[in-house]
Amino acid sequence: DGATISIEYGRPALKGRAEALMMPPGQVWRTGADEQTTLRTDKPLKLGTLTVPAGTYGLHTIPNAGEWQLIVSKRASGWGIPYPAGQDLGRTPM
């Protein structure tokens, strides 16, 4: 519906490390490298079961074998780990 969306993402590199070491199953991952990944939108979005108002948000994920979970955080800046408890805008399956 005409939203302007941007995602700022730091591409992770395994550099010989195991994927499970970088993205441990069942644990919050900052979804990228270095600073946390951010999502900016000028209009409300529907991401899975989650409604995201216009604004800037942090993105995190919880990797699992069967299904990953997307976490949209109200905290829009920072290193990304550890994940700031109580900062969820919401979570949705991916």
C-alpha atoms as a PDB file:
ATOM      1  CA  ASP A   1       0.000   0.000   0.000  1.00  0.00           C
ATOM      2  CA  GLY A   2       2.800   2.414  -0.866  1.00  0.00           C
ATOM      3  CA  ALA A   3       4.910   2.058   2.283  1.00  0.00           C
ATOM      4  CA  THR A   4       8.562   3.062   2.163  1.00  0.00           C
ATOM      5  CA  ILE A   5      10.517   0.344   3.951  1.00  0.00           C
ATOM      6  CA  SER A   6      14.235   0.087   4.684  1.00  0.00           C
ATOM      7  CA  ILE A   7      16.216  -2.623   6.430  1.00  0.00           C
ATOM      8  CA  GLU A   8      19.744  -1.995   7.661  1.00  0.00           C
ATOM      9  CA  TYR A   9      21.543  -5.304   8.024  1.00  0.00           C
ATOM     10  CA  GLY A  10      25.120  -6.365   8.710  1.00  0.00           C
ATOM     11  CA  ARG A  11      25.922  -9.522   6.757  1.00  0.00           C
ATOM     12  CA  PRO A  12      27.378 -12.189   9.058  1.00  0.00           C
ATOM     13  CA  ALA A  13      30.286 -14.366   7.952  1.00  0.00           C
ATOM     14  CA  LEU A  14      30.875 -17.846   9.373  1.00  0.00           C
ATOM     15  CA  LYS A  15      34.675 -17.629   8.880  1.00  0.00           C
ATOM     16  CA  GLY A  16      34.984 -21.372   9.447  1.00  0.00           C
ATOM     17  CA  ARG A  17      32.674 -21.403  12.493  1.00  0.00           C
ATOM     18  CA  ALA A  18      29.669 -23.709  12.755  1.00  0.00           C
ATOM     19  CA  GLU A  19      26.303 -22.135  11.912  1.00  0.00           C
ATOM     20  CA  ALA A  20      24.849 -23.450  15.198  1.00  0.00           C
ATOM     21  CA  LEU A  21      27.587 -21.537  17.056  1.00  0.00           C
ATOM     22  CA  MET A  22      26.607 -18.275  15.343  1.00  0.00           C
ATOM     23  CA  MET A  23      22.826 -18.851  15.530  1.00  0.00           C
ATOM     24  CA  PRO A  24      22.203 -21.234  18.449  1.00  0.00           C
ATOM     25  CA  PRO A  25      18.825 -22.987  18.077  1.00  0.00           C
ATOM     26  CA  GLY A  26      16.242 -21.776  20.580  1.00  0.00           C
ATOM     27  CA  GLN A  27      18.194 -18.622  21.510  1.00  0.00           C
ATOM     28  CA  VAL A  28      17.614 -15.017  20.471  1.00  0.00           C
ATOM     29  CA  TRP A  29      19.907 -14.004  17.601  1.00  0.00           C
ATOM     30  CA  ARG A  30      20.484 -10.389  16.569  1.00  0.00           C
ATOM     31  CA  THR A  31      19.770 -11.392  12.947  1.00  0.00           C
ATOM     32  CA  GLY A  32      22.956 -10.164  11.371  1.00  0.00           C
ATOM     33  CA  ALA A  33      26.403  -9.087  12.422  1.00  0.00           C
ATOM     34  CA  ASP A  34      27.664  -6.164  14.441  1.00  0.00           C
ATOM     35  CA  GLU A  35      24.855  -3.721  15.303  1.00  0.00           C
ATOM     36  CA  GLN A  36      21.312  -5.039  15.381  1.00  0.00           C
ATOM     37  CA  THR A  37      19.300  -5.145  12.183  1.00  0.00           C
ATOM     38  CA  THR A  38      16.788  -2.297  11.938  1.00  0.00           C
ATOM     39  CA  LEU A  39      13.490  -1.963  10.114  1.00  0.00           C
ATOM     40  CA  ARG A  40      12.048   1.440   9.178  1.00  0.00           C
ATOM     41  CA  THR A  41       8.588   1.930   7.746  1.00  0.00           C
ATOM     42  CA  ASP A  42       6.513   5.039   7.129  1.00  0.00           C
ATOM     43  CA  LYS A  43       3.220   3.104   7.204  1.00  0.00           C
ATOM     44  CA  PRO A  44       1.861   0.255   9.325  1.00  0.00           C
ATOM     45  CA  LEU A  45       2.917  -3.244   8.212  1.00  0.00           C
ATOM     46  CA  LYS A  46       1.536  -6.721   8.755  1.00  0.00           C
ATOM     47  CA  LEU A  47       4.382  -9.209   9.367  1.00  0.00           C
ATOM     48  CA  GLY A  48       2.869 -12.655   9.821  1.00  0.00           C
ATOM     49  CA  THR A  49       0.519 -12.339  12.778  1.00  0.00           C
ATOM     50  CA  LEU A  50       2.082  -9.071  13.970  1.00  0.00           C
ATOM     51  CA  THR A  51       0.951  -5.528  13.151  1.00  0.00           C
ATOM     52  CA  VAL A  52       3.890  -3.102  13.138  1.00  0.00           C
ATOM     53  CA  PRO A  53       3.059   0.640  13.327  1.00  0.00           C
ATOM     54  CA  ALA A  54       5.058   3.172  11.308  1.00  0.00           C
ATOM     55  CA  GLY A  55       8.437   3.732  12.960  1.00  0.00           C
ATOM     56  CA  THR A  56      11.896   2.240  13.431  1.00  0.00           C
ATOM     57  CA  TYR A  57      12.429  -1.105  15.139  1.00  0.00           C
ATOM     58  CA  GLY A  58      15.104  -3.680  15.906  1.00  0.00           C
ATOM     59  CA  LEU A  59      14.825  -7.140  14.341  1.00  0.00           C
ATOM     60  CA  HIS A  60      15.869 -10.338  16.089  1.00  0.00           C
ATOM     61  CA  THR A  61      15.081 -13.989  15.450  1.00  0.00           C
ATOM     62  CA  ILE A  62      14.975 -17.262  17.320  1.00  0.00           C
ATOM     63  CA  PRO A  63      16.235 -20.022  15.003  1.00  0.00           C
ATOM     64  CA  ASN A  64      14.775 -23.494  15.433  1.00  0.00           C
ATOM     65  CA  ALA A  65      14.868 -26.610  13.274  1.00  0.00           C
ATOM     66  CA  GLY A  66      11.154 -26.555  12.406  1.00  0.00           C
ATOM     67  CA  GLU A  67      10.244 -22.883  12.501  1.00  0.00           C
ATOM     68  CA  TRP A  68      11.988 -19.606  13.243  1.00  0.00           C
ATOM     69  CA  GLN A  69      10.391 -16.793  15.197  1.00  0.00           C
ATOM     70  CA  LEU A  70      10.715 -13.113  14.283  1.00  0.00           C
ATOM     71  CA  ILE A  71      11.011 -10.612  17.132  1.00  0.00           C
ATOM     72  CA  VAL A  72      10.279  -6.957  16.435  1.00  0.00           C
ATOM     73  CA  SER A  73      11.850  -4.874  19.191  1.00  0.00           C
ATOM     74  CA  LYS A  74      10.836  -1.386  20.265  1.00  0.00           C
ATOM     75  CA  ARG A  75      14.554  -0.677  20.782  1.00  0.00           C
ATOM     76  CA  ALA A  76      15.762   0.572  17.406  1.00  0.00           C
ATOM     77  CA  SER A  77      19.485   0.944  18.070  1.00  0.00           C
ATOM     78  CA  GLY A  78      22.252  -0.849  19.894  1.00  0.00           C
ATOM     79  CA  TRP A  79      24.627  -3.721  19.479  1.00  0.00           C
ATOM     80  CA  GLY A  80      21.803  -6.244  19.477  1.00  0.00           C
ATOM     81  CA  ILE A  81      23.049  -8.650  22.132  1.00  0.00           C
ATOM     82  CA  PRO A  82      22.137  -9.472  24.759  1.00  0.00           C
ATOM     83  CA  TYR A  83      18.533  -8.993  23.725  1.00  0.00           C
ATOM     84  CA  PRO A  84      16.855  -6.389  25.961  1.00  0.00           C
ATOM     85  CA  ALA A  85      14.123  -8.227  27.870  1.00  0.00           C
ATOM     86  CA  GLY A  86      10.791  -6.423  27.904  1.00  0.00           C
ATOM     87  CA  GLN A  87      11.448  -4.563  24.629  1.00  0.00           C
ATOM     88  CA  ASP A  88       9.244  -6.699  22.358  1.00  0.00           C
ATOM     89  CA  LEU A  89       6.783  -4.928  20.116  1.00  0.00           C
ATOM     90  CA  GLY A  90       5.783  -8.499  19.299  1.00  0.00           C
ATOM     91  CA  ARG A  91       6.775 -11.907  17.931  1.00  0.00           C
ATOM     92  CA  THR A  92       5.513 -13.937  15.007  1.00  0.00           C
ATOM     93  CA  PRO A  93       6.374 -17.297  13.423  1.00  0.00           C
ATOM     94  CA  MET A  94       8.349 -17.191  10.166  1.00  0.00           C
END
